[in-house]
Protein backbone atom coordinates (compact mmCIF):
# COMPACT_ATOMS: atom_id res chain seq x y z
CA MET A 1 70.71 113.47 61.10
CA ARG A 2 67.62 112.65 61.88
CA SER A 3 66.09 111.48 58.33
CA SER A 4 69.11 109.49 58.01
CA SER A 5 68.64 107.51 61.19
CA MET A 6 64.75 107.25 60.26
CA THR A 7 66.18 105.74 56.74
CA GLN A 8 68.16 103.47 58.76
CA ALA A 9 65.27 101.96 60.91
CA THR A 10 63.37 101.84 58.21
CA THR A 11 65.85 99.94 56.26
CA ALA A 12 66.23 97.79 59.08
CA LYS A 13 62.47 96.87 59.78
CA ALA A 14 62.09 96.24 56.08
CA ALA A 15 64.98 93.56 56.27
CA LYS A 16 63.95 92.09 59.39
CA ALA A 17 60.25 91.67 57.78
CA ALA A 18 61.96 90.07 54.78
CA GLN A 19 63.47 87.60 56.85
CA ALA A 20 60.16 86.51 58.56
CA ALA A 21 58.29 85.97 55.35
CA GLU A 22 61.48 83.83 54.15
CA PHE A 23 61.33 82.10 57.26
CA ALA A 24 57.39 81.50 56.88
CA GLU A 25 57.50 80.22 53.57
CA PHE A 26 60.57 77.81 54.84
CA TYR A 27 58.83 77.17 57.95
CA ALA A 28 55.32 75.99 55.59
CA ALA A 29 57.36 74.22 53.04
CA THR A 30 59.79 72.29 55.37
CA PHE A 31 57.67 71.35 58.92
CA HIS A 32 55.62 68.66 57.61
CA ARG A 33 58.83 66.65 55.90
CA VAL A 34 60.90 67.00 59.26
CA ALA A 35 58.03 66.22 61.65
CA ALA A 36 56.76 63.22 59.55
CA GLN A 37 60.27 61.83 59.80
CA LEU A 38 60.31 61.86 63.59
CA TYR A 39 57.36 60.37 63.74
CA ALA A 40 58.04 57.77 62.01
CA TYR A 41 61.22 57.14 64.37
CA LEU A 42 59.31 57.99 67.41
CA GLY A 43 55.90 56.77 67.10
CA ASP A 44 54.55 59.76 68.64
CA HIS A 45 52.80 62.62 67.26
CA ALA A 46 52.78 64.85 69.99
CA GLU A 47 56.76 64.31 70.90
CA ALA A 48 57.44 64.26 67.14
CA GLN A 49 55.56 67.88 66.61
CA ASP A 50 57.07 69.46 69.69
CA LEU A 51 60.18 68.37 68.68
CA THR A 52 60.11 69.77 65.60
CA GLN A 53 58.76 72.88 66.54
CA GLU A 54 61.91 73.12 69.35
CA ALA A 55 64.28 72.72 66.11
CA PHE A 56 62.43 75.16 64.11
CA CYS A 57 62.38 77.88 66.69
CA ARG A 58 66.41 77.47 67.33
CA ALA A 59 66.51 77.75 63.73
CA LEU A 60 64.52 81.40 64.15
CA ASP A 61 66.49 82.44 66.64
CA ARG A 62 69.82 82.77 64.55
CA TRP A 63 67.90 82.62 60.93
CA SER A 64 70.07 85.21 59.66
CA LEU A 65 73.11 82.60 59.86
CA VAL A 66 70.78 79.17 59.26
CA SER A 67 69.80 80.76 55.82
CA THR A 68 72.99 80.99 54.30
CA TYR A 69 73.97 77.46 54.78
CA GLU A 70 73.87 75.58 51.98
CA ASN A 71 71.34 73.54 53.69
CA PRO A 72 69.15 75.37 56.18
CA ALA A 73 66.43 72.25 56.25
CA GLY A 74 69.15 69.24 56.16
CA TRP A 75 70.55 71.75 59.57
CA VAL A 76 66.85 71.59 61.38
CA ARG A 77 66.52 68.07 60.53
CA GLN A 78 69.90 67.43 62.10
CA VAL A 79 68.58 69.73 64.73
CA ALA A 80 65.80 67.82 65.09
CA TRP A 81 66.96 64.38 65.12
CA ASN A 82 69.64 65.47 68.33
CA LEU A 83 67.06 65.91 70.14
CA ALA A 84 64.66 63.23 69.40
CA THR A 85 67.68 60.79 70.11
CA SER A 86 68.07 62.73 73.01
CA ARG A 87 64.65 61.41 74.60
CA LEU A 88 64.82 57.99 73.63
CA ARG A 89 68.30 57.70 75.44
CA HIS A 90 66.51 59.35 78.61
CA LEU A 91 63.37 56.98 78.31
CA GLN A 92 60.54 59.44 78.09
CA VAL A 93 59.04 58.96 74.77
CA VAL A 94 56.94 55.97 75.45
CA LYS A 95 55.41 56.95 79.37
CA ARG A 96 54.41 60.45 77.51
CA PHE A 97 52.39 58.44 74.78
CA VAL A 98 49.43 60.23 73.09
CA ALA A 99 49.45 62.85 76.76
CA GLY A 100 47.78 65.47 76.08
CA GLN A 101 46.02 64.50 72.50
CA ARG A 102 43.40 66.46 71.23
CA GLN A 103 40.19 64.08 70.71
CA GLU A 104 38.72 64.74 67.01
CA HIS A 105 36.05 62.79 65.55
CA VAL A 106 37.59 61.60 62.29
CA PRO A 107 37.62 58.13 60.65
CA PRO A 108 39.96 56.00 62.36
CA PRO A 109 42.94 54.81 60.62
CA ARG A 110 43.25 51.87 57.95
CA PRO A 111 44.63 48.76 59.14
CA GLU A 112 47.64 48.61 56.92
CA ARG A 113 48.67 52.37 58.84
CA VAL A 114 48.65 50.73 62.14
CA ASP A 115 50.49 47.65 61.00
CA LEU A 116 53.08 49.29 59.78
CA THR A 117 53.23 52.02 62.14
CA ARG A 118 53.62 48.98 65.17
CA ALA A 119 56.12 47.43 62.45
CA LEU A 120 58.44 50.26 62.53
CA ALA A 121 58.07 50.74 66.25
CA ALA A 122 59.27 47.37 66.83
CA LEU A 123 62.65 47.95 64.29
CA PRO A 124 66.18 48.31 66.62
CA PRO A 125 67.13 52.30 66.60
CA ASN A 126 69.33 52.32 63.52
CA HIS A 127 67.44 50.24 61.37
CA ARG A 128 64.63 52.16 62.06
CA LEU A 129 66.58 55.65 62.04
CA ALA A 130 68.01 54.53 58.18
CA VAL A 131 64.36 53.29 56.87
CA VAL A 132 63.02 56.35 57.95
CA LEU A 133 65.15 58.55 56.58
CA HIS A 134 65.69 56.70 53.33
CA HIS A 135 62.20 56.54 52.01
CA VAL A 136 60.23 59.18 54.30
CA GLY A 137 62.99 61.36 54.40
CA ARG A 138 64.23 61.18 50.61
CA LEU A 139 68.16 60.24 51.83
CA SER A 140 70.59 58.34 50.22
CA THR A 141 72.35 56.30 52.18
CA SER A 142 75.73 58.63 51.42
CA GLU A 143 73.67 61.79 53.12
CA ILE A 144 72.51 59.30 56.35
CA ALA A 145 76.14 57.99 56.53
CA LYS A 146 77.56 61.54 56.32
CA GLN A 147 74.46 62.69 58.94
CA ARG A 148 75.16 60.05 61.04
CA GLY A 149 78.72 59.53 61.32
CA VAL A 150 79.13 55.99 59.71
CA ALA A 151 80.34 54.20 57.09
CA GLU A 152 77.97 54.16 54.12
CA GLY A 153 78.25 49.79 54.09
CA THR A 154 77.17 50.30 57.56
CA VAL A 155 73.75 52.37 56.85
CA ARG A 156 72.95 49.66 53.53
CA SER A 157 73.33 47.06 56.10
CA TRP A 158 70.92 48.49 58.55
CA LEU A 159 68.37 49.63 55.70
CA SER A 160 68.43 46.10 54.18
CA ARG A 161 67.84 44.60 57.32
CA GLY A 162 65.22 46.95 58.48
CA ARG A 163 63.37 45.91 55.52
CA ALA A 164 63.68 42.30 56.04
CA GLN A 165 62.31 43.34 59.26
CA LEU A 166 59.01 44.79 58.30
CA ALA A 167 58.29 42.42 55.72
CA GLU A 168 59.05 39.75 58.44
CA GLN A 169 56.33 41.40 61.28
CA LEU A 170 54.11 42.00 58.99
CA ILE A 171 53.92 38.18 58.05
CA ASP A 172 54.05 37.16 61.29
CA TRP A 173 50.65 38.95 62.24
CA ASP A 174 49.37 38.32 59.23
CA GLN A 175 49.61 34.30 59.92
CA ALA A 176 49.05 34.43 63.30
CA ALA A 177 45.50 34.68 62.77
CA ALA A 178 45.81 31.68 60.11
CA VAL A 179 44.98 28.17 60.69
CA THR A 180 47.72 26.18 61.02
CA PRO A 181 47.52 23.69 57.59
CA GLU A 182 48.19 19.90 58.34
CA GLY A 183 49.06 17.65 55.85
CA GLY A 184 52.71 16.73 57.11
CA VAL A 185 56.18 17.47 55.33
CA GLU A 186 54.44 18.15 51.76
CA ALA A 187 52.34 20.98 53.36
CA ALA A 188 55.28 22.29 55.54
CA VAL A 189 57.29 22.63 52.19
CA ALA A 190 54.06 24.13 50.46
CA LYS A 191 53.92 26.56 53.64
CA VAL A 192 57.50 27.59 53.44
CA ARG A 193 57.17 28.44 49.78
CA ARG A 194 54.17 30.39 50.81
CA ARG A 195 55.79 32.07 53.16
CA ARG A 196 59.05 33.11 50.69
CA THR A 197 56.39 34.54 48.02
CA ALA A 198 54.60 36.68 51.00
CA ARG A 199 57.34 37.81 52.53
CA LYS A 200 58.60 39.03 49.14
CA ALA A 201 54.97 40.67 48.31
CA VAL A 202 55.03 42.40 51.45
CA LEU A 203 58.22 44.28 51.25
CA VAL A 204 56.75 45.38 48.18
CA ALA A 205 54.43 46.55 49.82
CA VAL A 206 56.10 48.34 52.76
CA LEU A 207 58.63 49.89 50.34
CA ALA A 208 55.37 51.31 48.33
CA ILE A 209 53.69 52.77 51.16
CA LEU A 210 56.90 54.42 52.53
CA VAL A 211 57.88 55.89 49.06
CA SER A 212 55.03 56.90 47.25
CA VAL A 213 52.67 58.44 50.06
CA PRO A 214 55.19 58.69 53.35
CA LEU A 215 52.98 62.20 54.96
CA ALA A 216 49.85 60.93 54.15
CA VAL A 217 50.32 57.33 55.81
CA LEU A 218 52.73 58.29 58.49
CA LEU A 219 51.72 61.68 59.60
CA LEU A 220 48.78 63.65 58.14
CA GLY A 221 45.32 61.76 57.49
CA ARG A 222 44.50 65.43 55.55
CA SER A 223 46.12 68.81 54.84
CA GLY A 224 45.69 71.06 57.61
CA ALA A 225 48.08 73.51 59.73
CA PRO A 226 51.22 71.21 61.90
CA ASP A 227 49.09 71.15 65.15
CA ILE A 228 46.43 69.45 63.39
CA ILE A 229 46.94 65.02 63.32
CA GLU A 230 44.73 62.53 62.89
CA PRO A 231 45.12 60.10 66.30
CA THR A 232 46.44 56.72 66.13
CA PRO A 233 46.55 54.19 68.72
CA PRO A 234 50.51 54.02 70.34
CA PRO A 235 52.37 51.53 68.47
CA SER A 236 54.52 48.79 70.39
CA PRO A 237 57.53 50.47 72.39
CA SER A 238 60.63 49.64 70.26
CA PRO A 239 62.59 46.49 72.34
CA THR A 240 65.07 47.87 74.72
CA PHE A 241 68.22 46.06 76.42
CA LEU A 242 66.80 47.07 79.74
CA PRO A 243 65.96 43.92 81.49
CA THR A 244 65.05 44.04 85.22
CA PRO A 245 67.82 43.06 87.28
CA SER A 246 68.19 39.42 88.62
CA PRO A 247 69.27 38.81 92.10
CA ALA A 248 73.19 38.84 92.02
CA PRO A 249 74.72 35.76 93.21
CA GLU A 250 77.46 36.02 95.46
CA ALA A 251 79.95 35.80 93.01
CA VAL A 252 79.10 39.62 92.00
CA GLU A 253 79.12 42.23 94.42
CA LEU A 254 76.92 44.60 95.48
CA ARG A 255 77.43 48.41 95.50
CA ARG A 256 74.92 51.01 96.43
CA ILE A 257 75.59 54.53 95.09
CA VAL A 258 74.38 57.21 97.76
CA LEU A 259 74.59 60.65 97.05
CA PRO A 260 73.11 62.89 99.64
CA ASP A 261 71.53 65.71 98.58
CA VAL A 262 71.28 65.24 94.83
CA GLY A 263 69.06 62.44 94.67
CA GLN A 264 68.44 59.87 91.84
CA ILE A 265 70.49 59.82 88.64
CA ASN A 266 70.60 58.54 85.92
CA MET A 267 73.54 55.54 85.79
CA GLN A 268 75.08 56.84 82.21
CA ASP A 269 76.28 59.56 83.91
CA VAL A 270 78.32 57.60 86.18
CA ARG A 271 81.77 57.69 84.13
CA PHE A 272 84.13 55.22 85.71
CA VAL A 273 87.94 56.12 84.53
CA ASP A 274 90.10 53.03 85.87
CA ARG A 275 88.45 50.15 88.79
CA ASP A 276 88.29 52.97 91.79
CA HIS A 277 87.86 56.55 90.25
CA ALA A 278 84.93 57.67 88.28
CA TRP A 279 83.06 61.00 88.24
CA ILE A 280 79.45 62.04 88.14
CA TRP A 281 78.06 65.00 86.09
CA HIS A 282 74.42 65.74 87.12
CA ASP A 283 72.42 67.76 85.58
CA PRO A 284 68.72 67.61 86.67
CA CYS A 285 67.95 70.74 83.76
CA GLU A 286 68.05 69.83 80.12
CA SER A 287 69.52 71.45 77.97
CA ASP A 288 66.72 73.29 76.15
CA SER A 289 65.36 74.14 79.61
CA PRO A 290 64.53 77.60 80.06
CA THR A 291 66.01 77.72 83.96
CA PRO A 292 69.93 78.18 83.96
CA SER A 293 72.34 75.56 84.41
CA CYS A 294 72.13 73.71 87.86
CA GLY A 295 74.44 70.59 87.31
CA THR A 296 76.37 69.20 90.19
CA LEU A 297 80.23 67.20 89.74
CA LEU A 298 81.01 64.73 91.89
CA ALA A 299 84.06 62.06 92.15
CA THR A 300 84.81 58.53 94.11
CA ALA A 301 88.15 57.43 94.50
CA ASP A 302 86.89 53.78 96.03
CA GLY A 303 84.51 52.45 93.23
CA GLY A 304 81.70 54.32 93.88
CA LYS A 305 81.11 53.62 98.17
CA THR A 306 81.49 57.23 99.01
CA TRP A 307 81.66 60.38 96.82
CA ARG A 308 82.57 64.47 97.35
CA ARG A 309 81.16 67.27 95.71
CA ILE A 310 82.99 69.39 93.44
CA THR A 311 83.10 73.09 93.28
CA VAL A 312 83.01 74.31 89.16
CA PRO A 313 83.44 77.84 88.39
CA PRO A 314 79.87 79.26 87.16
CA LEU A 315 78.38 78.46 83.70
CA PRO A 316 76.72 81.19 81.62
CA ASP A 317 72.29 80.95 82.31
CA LYS A 318 71.15 78.51 79.79
CA ALA A 319 74.20 76.51 78.76
CA ARG A 320 74.86 73.55 77.49
CA PRO A 321 77.65 71.81 79.15
CA VAL A 322 79.33 68.74 78.09
CA PHE A 323 81.46 66.19 80.77
CA LEU A 324 84.39 64.81 79.56
CA PRO A 325 86.50 62.50 82.01
CA PHE A 326 89.98 61.61 81.31
CA ASP A 327 91.83 59.60 84.33
CA ALA A 328 91.27 60.09 88.21
CA ASN A 329 92.45 63.85 87.69
CA THR A 330 92.00 65.29 84.63
CA ALA A 331 88.17 66.18 83.80
CA SER A 332 86.68 69.00 81.35
CA LEU A 333 83.51 70.69 81.05
CA GLN A 334 82.71 71.57 77.24
CA VAL A 335 80.45 74.67 77.08
CA THR A 336 78.33 75.52 74.44
CA GLY A 337 75.90 78.42 75.03
CA GLN A 338 72.45 78.20 74.13
CA PHE A 339 71.90 77.89 70.07
CA GLN A 340 75.29 78.12 70.15
CA ASP A 341 77.11 75.57 67.02
CA LYS A 342 80.63 75.51 68.82
CA PRO A 343 81.89 75.25 72.25
CA SER A 344 82.72 78.51 73.18
CA HIS A 345 85.34 77.38 76.06
CA TYR A 346 86.65 74.66 78.10
CA LEU A 347 86.75 74.21 81.84
CA HIS A 348 89.65 72.03 82.69
CA THR A 349 90.71 70.44 86.09
CA ALA A 350 94.23 68.75 86.35
CA ASP A 351 94.21 67.77 90.16
CA GLY A 352 90.79 66.05 90.80
CA GLY A 353 89.04 68.99 90.66
CA LYS A 354 90.41 71.36 93.40
CA THR A 355 91.00 74.08 90.96
CA PHE A 356 89.87 74.52 87.24
CA LYS A 357 91.38 76.44 84.63
CA SER A 358 89.14 78.20 81.64
CA TYR A 359 90.59 77.10 78.12
CA PRO A 360 89.62 79.21 74.91
CA VAL A 361 87.97 76.74 72.27
CA GLU A 362 90.59 78.29 69.84
CA ARG A 363 93.28 76.60 72.60
CA PRO A 364 91.91 73.53 74.16
CA PRO A 365 93.73 71.83 76.71
CA ALA A 366 95.91 68.57 75.25
CA ALA A 367 93.30 66.28 77.68
CA THR A 368 90.46 66.78 75.32
CA VAL A 369 92.09 66.41 72.26
CA ILE A 370 93.96 63.70 72.59
CA GLY A 371 90.80 62.01 75.07
CA PRO A 372 90.48 59.41 77.37
CA LEU A 373 91.71 56.14 75.20
CA GLY A 374 95.19 58.44 74.94
CA GLY A 375 95.32 58.92 71.09
CA ARG A 376 98.43 61.07 70.91
CA TYR A 377 98.41 61.22 66.88
CA ARG A 378 96.21 62.64 64.06
CA MET A 379 96.06 63.22 60.24
CA LEU A 380 96.25 67.25 60.30
CA CYS A 381 96.94 69.86 57.55
CA PRO A 382 101.23 71.63 57.50
CA GLY A 383 101.51 73.45 60.77
CA ALA A 384 99.20 72.06 62.96
CA THR A 385 99.89 70.80 66.35
CA GLY A 386 96.88 69.69 67.08
CA LEU A 387 95.68 72.58 69.79
CA GLU A 388 95.03 75.47 67.32
CA ASP A 389 92.01 76.75 66.30
CA GLY A 390 91.14 75.01 62.73
CA ALA A 391 94.06 72.02 63.96
CA TRP A 392 91.22 69.25 62.96
CA GLY A 393 91.25 70.56 59.46
CA THR A 394 91.88 68.22 56.74
CA ASP A 395 90.92 70.45 53.42
CA CYS A 396 94.56 70.08 52.31
CA GLU A 397 96.38 68.28 49.44
CA ARG A 398 99.40 67.21 51.96
CA LEU A 399 97.61 65.39 55.26
CA GLN A 400 100.81 65.24 57.60
CA LEU A 401 101.24 62.72 60.73
CA VAL A 402 101.23 64.93 63.47
CA LYS A 403 101.65 64.43 67.27
CA ILE A 404 99.60 66.14 69.56
CA GLY A 405 101.40 68.93 70.82
CA GLU A 406 104.73 68.41 69.36
CA GLY A 407 103.90 68.75 65.45
CA PRO A 408 104.45 66.77 62.72
CA VAL A 409 106.56 63.36 63.00
CA ALA A 410 110.18 63.44 60.82
CA LYS A 411 108.85 60.75 58.80
CA GLN A 412 106.00 61.28 57.13
CA PRO A 413 104.00 57.82 55.89
CA PRO A 414 103.53 57.32 52.21
CA ILE A 415 99.34 57.88 52.49
CA ARG A 416 98.78 61.59 52.78
CA ASN A 417 96.16 63.09 50.23
CA ALA A 418 93.73 60.56 51.22
CA PRO A 419 91.28 60.76 54.59
CA VAL A 420 92.85 58.79 56.97
CA SER A 421 92.62 57.47 60.80
CA VAL A 422 95.38 56.76 63.09
CA ASP A 423 94.90 54.15 65.63
CA GLU A 424 97.51 53.84 68.41
CA GLY A 425 98.49 50.36 69.73
CA ALA A 426 99.55 50.04 73.44
CA ASP A 427 102.61 47.96 72.09
CA GLY A 428 103.80 51.15 70.26
CA ARG A 429 102.95 50.44 66.83
CA LEU A 430 100.70 52.95 65.00
CA TRP A 431 98.19 51.91 61.60
CA LEU A 432 96.91 54.05 59.56
CA VAL A 433 93.54 53.32 57.27
CA ALA A 434 93.57 55.50 54.43
CA GLY A 435 90.72 56.28 51.63
CA GLU A 436 87.11 55.74 51.87
CA MET A 437 85.93 52.54 49.48
CA SER A 438 89.47 51.47 48.21
CA GLN A 439 91.03 51.76 51.47
CA ARG A 440 94.91 51.15 52.40
CA LEU A 441 95.86 49.53 55.50
CA MET A 442 99.70 51.10 56.87
CA VAL A 443 101.77 49.83 59.87
CA SER A 444 104.62 51.47 61.82
CA GLU A 445 106.85 49.61 64.82
CA ASP A 446 108.99 52.35 65.61
CA SER A 447 107.06 55.34 66.21
CA GLY A 448 106.40 56.60 62.64
CA LYS A 449 110.00 56.30 61.51
CA THR A 450 109.25 53.09 58.76
CA TRP A 451 106.21 52.40 57.30
CA LYS A 452 104.90 48.93 55.74
CA GLU A 453 101.71 48.52 53.73
CA LEU A 454 99.27 45.15 54.12
CA SER A 455 96.38 44.12 52.53
CA TRP A 456 92.64 43.83 53.72
CA PRO A 457 90.72 40.82 53.66
CA SER A 458 89.05 40.09 50.28
CA GLY A 459 85.93 42.73 49.94
CA VAL A 460 86.53 44.05 53.16
CA HIS A 461 86.15 47.86 53.98
CA GLY A 462 86.17 48.23 57.74
CA TYR A 463 87.78 49.60 60.80
CA LEU A 464 90.46 48.00 62.89
CA ILE A 465 89.91 46.93 66.44
CA LEU A 466 92.90 46.85 68.65
CA SER A 467 92.94 44.88 71.87
CA PRO A 468 93.71 46.40 75.08
CA ASP A 469 97.33 45.55 75.18
CA GLY A 470 97.67 46.33 71.44
CA LYS A 471 99.32 42.98 70.23
CA GLN A 472 95.98 41.76 68.60
CA VAL A 473 94.25 44.01 65.57
CA TRP A 474 91.16 42.51 64.39
CA THR A 475 88.41 44.08 61.65
CA THR A 476 84.80 43.15 61.00
CA SER A 477 82.57 42.80 57.93
CA THR A 478 79.25 41.55 57.56
CA ASP A 479 78.28 38.71 55.07
CA SER A 480 74.76 38.32 52.71
CA THR A 481 72.96 37.05 55.41
CA GLY A 482 73.44 39.81 57.88
CA GLN A 483 76.02 38.05 60.04
CA VAL A 484 78.97 39.85 61.48
CA GLU A 485 82.60 38.54 60.28
CA LYS A 486 85.42 38.69 62.87
CA TRP A 487 88.81 38.45 61.05
CA GLU A 488 92.17 38.77 62.66
CA LEU A 489 95.21 40.06 61.41
CA VAL A 490 97.99 36.81 61.68
CA GLY A 491 101.45 37.70 60.57
CA THR A 492 100.17 39.94 57.13
CA GLN A 493 97.45 37.41 56.53
CA TRP A 494 93.64 37.92 57.66
CA VAL A 495 92.01 35.04 59.10
CA LYS A 496 88.02 34.92 59.11
CA ARG A 497 87.70 33.33 63.18
CA PHE A 498 84.09 33.82 63.75
CA THR A 499 80.73 34.71 62.64
CA HIS A 500 77.56 35.99 64.85
CA PRO A 501 74.66 37.61 65.17
CA ASP A 502 74.21 41.77 64.95
CA GLY A 503 73.51 43.28 68.17
CA GLN A 504 75.81 40.83 70.97
CA PHE A 505 78.06 44.29 71.11
CA PRO A 506 81.49 42.16 71.47
CA ILE A 507 84.33 43.76 73.44
CA LEU A 508 87.44 42.47 72.59
CA LEU A 509 89.86 41.32 75.06
CA ASN A 510 93.72 40.69 75.23
CA ALA A 511 94.53 37.04 73.72
CA GLY A 512 91.84 36.59 71.30
CA VAL A 513 88.73 36.64 74.34
CA TRP A 514 85.68 38.69 73.22
CA LEU A 515 83.00 39.22 75.39
CA MET A 516 79.32 39.66 73.95
CA ASN A 517 76.02 39.31 75.20
CA ASP A 518 74.84 35.14 74.41
CA ALA A 519 71.03 34.97 74.13
CA GLY A 520 70.65 37.74 76.34
CA THR A 521 73.41 36.91 79.13
CA PRO A 522 77.65 38.25 78.91
CA ALA A 523 79.63 36.06 78.52
CA TYR A 524 83.19 35.55 77.21
CA PHE A 525 83.84 33.88 74.02
CA HIS A 526 86.80 31.89 72.95
CA ASP A 527 87.78 29.66 70.50
CA GLY A 528 84.44 28.87 69.20
CA VAL A 529 82.92 28.67 73.29
CA TYR A 530 81.16 30.90 75.04
CA THR A 531 81.71 30.92 78.77
CA ARG A 532 78.21 32.60 80.89
CA ILE A 533 78.95 34.76 83.08
CA PRO A 534 76.35 34.15 86.21
CA GLY A 535 74.88 37.26 87.64
CA LEU A 536 75.19 39.73 84.91
CA THR A 537 72.44 41.11 82.71
CA MET A 538 72.36 42.05 79.07
CA TYR A 539 74.39 45.20 78.12
CA GLN A 540 73.42 48.02 76.36
CA TYR A 541 77.25 48.98 75.53
CA GLY A 542 80.50 48.40 76.96
CA HIS A 543 84.54 49.21 76.78
CA VAL A 544 87.94 48.59 78.88
CA LEU A 545 89.22 51.41 80.45
CA ARG A 546 93.60 51.73 80.85
CA ASP A 547 93.87 49.41 83.83
CA GLY A 548 92.02 46.32 81.76
CA THR A 549 88.72 46.97 84.26
CA ILE A 550 85.91 45.75 81.59
CA VAL A 551 82.97 48.91 82.38
CA LEU A 552 79.20 47.11 81.17
CA SER A 553 76.14 49.53 80.97
CA THR A 554 72.76 48.10 80.96
CA GLY A 555 71.16 51.70 81.31
CA ASN A 556 70.19 51.55 84.85
CA GLU A 557 73.04 49.69 86.75
CA ILE A 558 76.83 49.57 85.54
CA PHE A 559 79.04 46.03 86.24
CA LEU A 560 82.44 46.59 86.52
CA GLY A 561 85.04 43.32 85.13
CA VAL A 562 88.16 43.16 87.42
CA GLY A 563 91.43 41.66 86.61
CA GLU A 564 92.56 39.66 83.52
CA GLY A 565 90.92 37.79 81.04
CA MET A 566 88.38 35.23 82.04
CA SER A 567 89.62 35.37 85.89
CA ARG A 568 87.50 38.77 86.88
CA ARG A 569 85.98 39.78 90.31
CA TRP A 570 82.88 41.53 89.21
CA VAL A 571 80.81 44.08 90.92
CA ARG A 572 77.42 45.26 90.51
CA VAL A 573 76.88 49.29 90.74
CA THR A 574 73.50 50.62 91.17
CA GLN A 575 71.60 52.87 93.24
């Protein structure tokens, strides 16, 4: 008996030693590549190292599982990128540039390396992400699209614009020191031609640097352990949409949030569900903190003037909760344990936080599946209702249109064997977009009893944008110059209405009215005319609530547009 126990212990010890050796080999082969990608994305050596180390620590803790994955390096890379994106979102990266960097006597970086680092840091985050993952990470556009959850065409657009912006910036810096030529029109024409030629040459040089020696140029000046990195002057921070708010005119009501015993909060945690009701889940302990979860849940019923604290059932130590508000009374906390890939359970309230009920992840509350926008329909595998374990699976030959909580609809659409997205308009119409490259568009005006197939605009493979009342249907595409095209469905035909530069973050209202950033100021756009909204500052993202209220976030404040169309009362909510 004792001999058997000793044999088992010896076998277990040998297995652990083999796993440790396997992980060490994996770490040595993968660390530099992941760290290089994060450095090119963040522009900060120390931050890239810390986040990469954290990702590998998480892999080590569950190596017996991660090692069985088809692509363990992809798992680590995804964790590292998620951590990096979280840091950028909280605006901590720039503040900690070169903090605690160890000084070493090494040759200064080459000028082209400094210029390239600065140029990368100046790109918009999505463009920088595409360039880094494609040229440094050696990922294909389809792999990047899958990792980021976007269409492959979107990634190609990011990549094309990122390359062009890199070349343009490097040319600008080079020519800024040059003497402006004189000589009238002929000299100006010659300058334009030289600029075009230089742009092509610079782009080729940039791609050569990125593709040929990404690790040597972007991360390590020599071989060695991952904690020995050549210091580089910090690049210019990426542009952000966080302008200093100017004093609001009398037309914009100022409403300050005061939360006793809570302190400063991230305004992105303030989640409005209608013009009067909002929730805040405030967690000063980061998800990767060694301390237990310490979140506070608050709610308001008067637009943020007063707040009440809500008692939440105890959470597991070091849990990673995600707060999901749905309406004035309904919200869930999706609880994920430390180092877990999927949630363990939900804490759900349907009475404004007075009581909470725990739901296992295999049987979630209906509200978490339907979501805040009320999407009651999904294309799922046969037998699913949308509320059971595996309900989201689409790995079957024939999909079914399911109404969440009720089961398949009586009359199934003719498209059932391709990836399908379902949109439910406020006017009751159901829209299906099926396929990836060769897309088909179907509509039902009688809750799925009958279906009609429509065409797409020529060469467009996009997604649908429905107006809040469901009466207008639009789609979007990008032309060869990088301009974003907006198409409206009129009857059964698509009509191209207008184009606009990328980065305006348009929001569709009713009656063909759009709200978007125009030259740094929010404006209504209708029939080719911009109408500026005084007192508002450029927003990062926005959406329309069920009651028609517009919510715009600048990152450090929120604007609420209450009313209809372009006749709205605006409220600035800040701390």
